[in-house]
Amino acid sequence: MATDAINPSASLRQKKARTARGITHGHPVNVLHHDEASFGERLADQIAASIGSWTFLIVQSIAVTVWVTLNVVGLVKHWDIYPFVLLNLLFSVQAAYTGPVLLLAGNRQAQKDRLTLEHAADEAETTEQRTLTILKEIQDNTEITVKILTHLQEQQSTIVETHQRMAAVHEQMAKEQHPGA
């Protein structure tokens, strides 16, 4: 990530590679999660995503139904008669590989969750620092504003006193010019 700022062409190449793999989200955790994944880890993620889909369940259900139907009805030569030992063997092999693949994908998701939490904590800390900086600037601004207000009030008081003195002098001068008035 730090090299992206130094070498923008490397960042562009990584972005193009992510886009080519179908990864378009630029969140730092997703970028790190996908960029550092080995081929096996990416394959485990894809397999886990497909196993956990409706498409997989429907296709597997259709395949099992066809398998059982063909072996029970006898439209073709029975290759796996009841109790379907070969089908059970295939399910066992599938389970033997599916379990570890799902665990690998689960571990990767847990790693991604940890990275997400760390990123969120970093963002929260950065936001808190920015908020404290803004709060400090607001406090400084408020202090300066109070000083300006105090200065203006002092000036206003001086102006009022000067105006009152001038009015008194003006009144005194008017009395002296018109003693009987």
Protein backbone atom coordinates (compact mmCIF):
# COMPACT_ATOMS: atom_id res chain seq x y z
CA MET A 1 0.00 0.00 0.00
CA ALA A 2 2.81 2.42 0.83
CA THR A 3 4.49 1.62 -2.48
CA ASP A 4 1.32 2.70 -4.31
CA ALA A 5 2.10 6.32 -3.46
CA ILE A 6 5.68 5.91 -4.67
CA ASN A 7 4.90 3.90 -7.81
CA PRO A 8 1.49 4.79 -9.28
CA SER A 9 1.97 2.41 -12.21
CA ALA A 10 2.25 -0.53 -9.76
CA SER A 11 -1.01 0.58 -8.16
CA LEU A 12 -2.65 0.76 -11.58
CA ARG A 13 -1.39 -2.73 -12.48
CA GLN A 14 -2.77 -4.13 -9.20
CA LYS A 15 -6.11 -2.43 -9.82
CA LYS A 16 -6.29 -3.88 -13.34
CA ALA A 17 -5.40 -7.34 -11.99
CA ARG A 18 -8.17 -7.09 -9.36
CA THR A 19 -10.65 -5.97 -12.01
CA ALA A 20 -9.62 -8.87 -14.28
CA ARG A 21 -10.27 -11.28 -11.38
CA GLY A 22 -13.69 -9.70 -10.85
CA ILE A 23 -12.70 -7.78 -7.73
CA THR A 24 -13.81 -4.22 -8.14
CA HIS A 25 -14.15 -3.04 -4.55
CA GLY A 26 -11.21 -0.86 -3.57
CA HIS A 27 -11.64 -1.03 0.21
CA PRO A 28 -8.17 -1.46 1.74
CA VAL A 29 -9.11 -4.68 3.54
CA ASN A 30 -10.50 -6.26 0.36
CA VAL A 31 -7.48 -5.15 -1.63
CA LEU A 32 -5.08 -6.62 0.95
CA HIS A 33 -7.21 -9.76 1.34
CA HIS A 34 -7.27 -10.50 -2.38
CA ASP A 35 -3.82 -9.26 -3.36
CA GLU A 36 -2.05 -11.43 -0.79
CA ALA A 37 -4.13 -14.55 -1.46
CA SER A 38 -2.36 -17.50 -2.99
CA PHE A 39 -3.91 -19.42 -5.88
CA GLY A 40 -5.10 -22.13 -3.46
CA GLU A 41 -6.71 -19.60 -1.15
CA ARG A 42 -8.54 -17.92 -4.02
CA LEU A 43 -9.63 -21.34 -5.29
CA ALA A 44 -10.91 -22.28 -1.82
CA ASP A 45 -12.89 -19.01 -1.69
CA GLN A 46 -14.45 -19.71 -5.09
CA ILE A 47 -15.28 -23.34 -4.24
CA ALA A 48 -16.80 -22.34 -0.91
CA ALA A 49 -18.86 -19.66 -2.65
CA SER A 50 -20.14 -22.16 -5.22
CA ILE A 51 -20.85 -24.91 -2.66
CA GLY A 52 -22.88 -22.46 -0.62
CA SER A 53 -25.11 -21.51 -3.56
CA TRP A 54 -28.57 -22.54 -4.68
CA THR A 55 -27.11 -23.50 -8.05
CA PHE A 56 -24.89 -26.12 -6.42
CA LEU A 57 -27.77 -27.52 -4.35
CA ILE A 58 -30.08 -27.74 -7.35
CA VAL A 59 -27.45 -29.30 -9.63
CA GLN A 60 -26.43 -31.83 -6.99
CA SER A 61 -30.08 -32.69 -6.25
CA ILE A 62 -30.76 -33.24 -9.95
CA ALA A 63 -27.60 -35.37 -10.33
CA VAL A 64 -28.53 -37.56 -7.33
CA THR A 65 -32.12 -37.93 -8.57
CA VAL A 66 -30.92 -38.95 -12.04
CA TRP A 67 -28.36 -41.37 -10.52
CA VAL A 68 -30.92 -43.07 -8.29
CA THR A 69 -33.60 -43.13 -10.99
CA LEU A 70 -31.32 -44.69 -13.59
CA ASN A 71 -30.13 -47.32 -11.13
CA VAL A 72 -33.60 -48.19 -9.82
CA VAL A 73 -35.67 -48.07 -13.00
CA GLY A 74 -33.13 -49.89 -15.10
CA LEU A 75 -33.34 -47.96 -18.36
CA VAL A 76 -29.62 -48.57 -18.60
CA LYS A 77 -27.35 -51.20 -17.09
CA HIS A 78 -27.25 -50.85 -13.29
CA TRP A 79 -23.78 -49.61 -12.37
CA ASP A 80 -24.69 -48.84 -8.73
CA ILE A 81 -27.49 -51.00 -7.36
CA TYR A 82 -29.33 -50.32 -4.15
CA PRO A 83 -27.96 -49.36 -1.46
CA PHE A 84 -25.95 -47.17 -3.86
CA VAL A 85 -22.47 -47.89 -2.52
CA LEU A 86 -20.75 -45.95 -5.31
CA LEU A 87 -22.96 -42.92 -4.70
CA ASN A 88 -22.14 -43.11 -0.99
CA LEU A 89 -18.45 -43.32 -1.85
CA LEU A 90 -18.76 -40.23 -4.05
CA PHE A 91 -20.52 -38.36 -1.23
CA SER A 92 -17.76 -39.41 1.17
CA VAL A 93 -15.05 -38.19 -1.18
CA GLN A 94 -16.96 -34.95 -1.72
CA ALA A 95 -17.31 -34.48 2.06
CA ALA A 96 -13.63 -35.30 2.60
CA TYR A 97 -12.64 -32.43 0.31
CA THR A 98 -15.49 -30.04 1.02
CA GLY A 99 -14.85 -29.92 4.76
CA PRO A 100 -11.23 -28.75 4.54
CA VAL A 101 -12.01 -26.36 1.68
CA LEU A 102 -14.79 -24.76 3.72
CA LEU A 103 -12.45 -24.54 6.72
CA LEU A 104 -9.81 -22.85 4.55
CA ALA A 105 -12.39 -20.38 3.27
CA GLY A 106 -13.68 -19.87 6.83
CA ASN A 107 -10.16 -19.16 8.08
CA ARG A 108 -9.65 -16.65 5.28
CA GLN A 109 -12.94 -14.99 6.15
CA ALA A 110 -11.90 -14.84 9.81
CA GLN A 111 -8.61 -13.26 8.72
CA LYS A 112 -10.53 -10.76 6.59
CA ASP A 113 -12.82 -10.00 9.56
CA ARG A 114 -9.77 -9.34 11.75
CA LEU A 115 -8.32 -7.04 9.08
CA THR A 116 -11.67 -5.26 8.81
CA LEU A 117 -11.79 -4.73 12.57
CA GLU A 118 -8.20 -3.46 12.61
CA HIS A 119 -8.98 -1.11 9.74
CA ALA A 120 -12.14 0.11 11.48
CA ALA A 121 -10.16 0.70 14.69
CA ASP A 122 -7.50 2.64 12.75
CA GLU A 123 -10.19 4.70 11.02
CA ALA A 124 -11.91 5.37 14.37
CA GLU A 125 -8.61 6.49 15.88
CA THR A 126 -7.89 8.76 12.93
CA THR A 127 -11.41 10.18 13.12
CA GLU A 128 -11.05 10.75 16.85
CA GLN A 129 -7.74 12.59 16.31
CA ARG A 130 -9.34 14.76 13.62
CA THR A 131 -12.31 15.45 15.88
CA LEU A 132 -10.01 16.44 18.76
CA THR A 133 -8.04 18.72 16.43
CA ILE A 134 -11.25 20.37 15.22
CA LEU A 135 -12.48 20.70 18.81
CA LYS A 136 -9.18 22.35 19.82
CA GLU A 137 -9.47 24.76 16.88
CA ILE A 138 -13.05 25.57 17.89
CA GLN A 139 -11.92 26.22 21.47
CA ASP A 140 -9.08 28.45 20.25
CA ASN A 141 -11.51 30.27 17.96
CA THR A 142 -13.96 30.71 20.84
CA GLU A 143 -11.21 32.16 23.07
CA ILE A 144 -10.19 34.60 20.34
CA THR A 145 -13.84 35.52 19.74
CA VAL A 146 -14.33 36.17 23.48
CA LYS A 147 -11.19 38.37 23.51
CA ILE A 148 -12.51 40.30 20.50
CA LEU A 149 -15.90 40.67 22.22
CA THR A 150 -14.24 41.90 25.42
CA HIS A 151 -12.15 44.39 23.44
CA LEU A 152 -15.21 45.62 21.54
CA GLN A 153 -17.16 45.98 24.81
CA GLU A 154 -14.27 48.01 26.27
CA GLN A 155 -14.21 50.18 23.15
CA GLN A 156 -17.98 50.59 23.31
CA SER A 157 -17.72 51.57 26.97
CA THR A 158 -14.98 54.09 26.11
CA ILE A 159 -17.07 55.48 23.24
CA VAL A 160 -20.15 55.78 25.50
CA GLU A 161 -18.08 57.56 28.19
CA THR A 162 -16.52 59.84 25.59
CA HIS A 163 -19.94 60.55 24.10
CA GLN A 164 -21.34 61.34 27.56
CA ARG A 165 -18.41 63.67 28.32
CA MET A 166 -18.79 65.34 24.96
CA ALA A 167 -22.52 65.74 25.54
CA ALA A 168 -21.79 67.26 28.96
CA VAL A 169 -19.18 69.61 27.47
CA HIS A 170 -21.57 70.51 24.66
CA GLU A 171 -24.33 71.17 27.18
CA GLN A 172 -21.94 73.24 29.29
CA MET A 173 -20.88 75.25 26.25
CA ALA A 174 -24.49 75.79 25.26
CA LYS A 175 -25.29 77.11 28.73
CA GLU A 176 -22.32 79.43 28.58
CA GLN A 177 -23.34 80.77 25.17
CA HIS A 178 -26.97 81.17 26.19
CA PRO A 179 -26.92 81.84 29.90
CA GLY A 180 -30.62 82.55 30.17
CA ALA A 181 -31.88 79.68 28.08
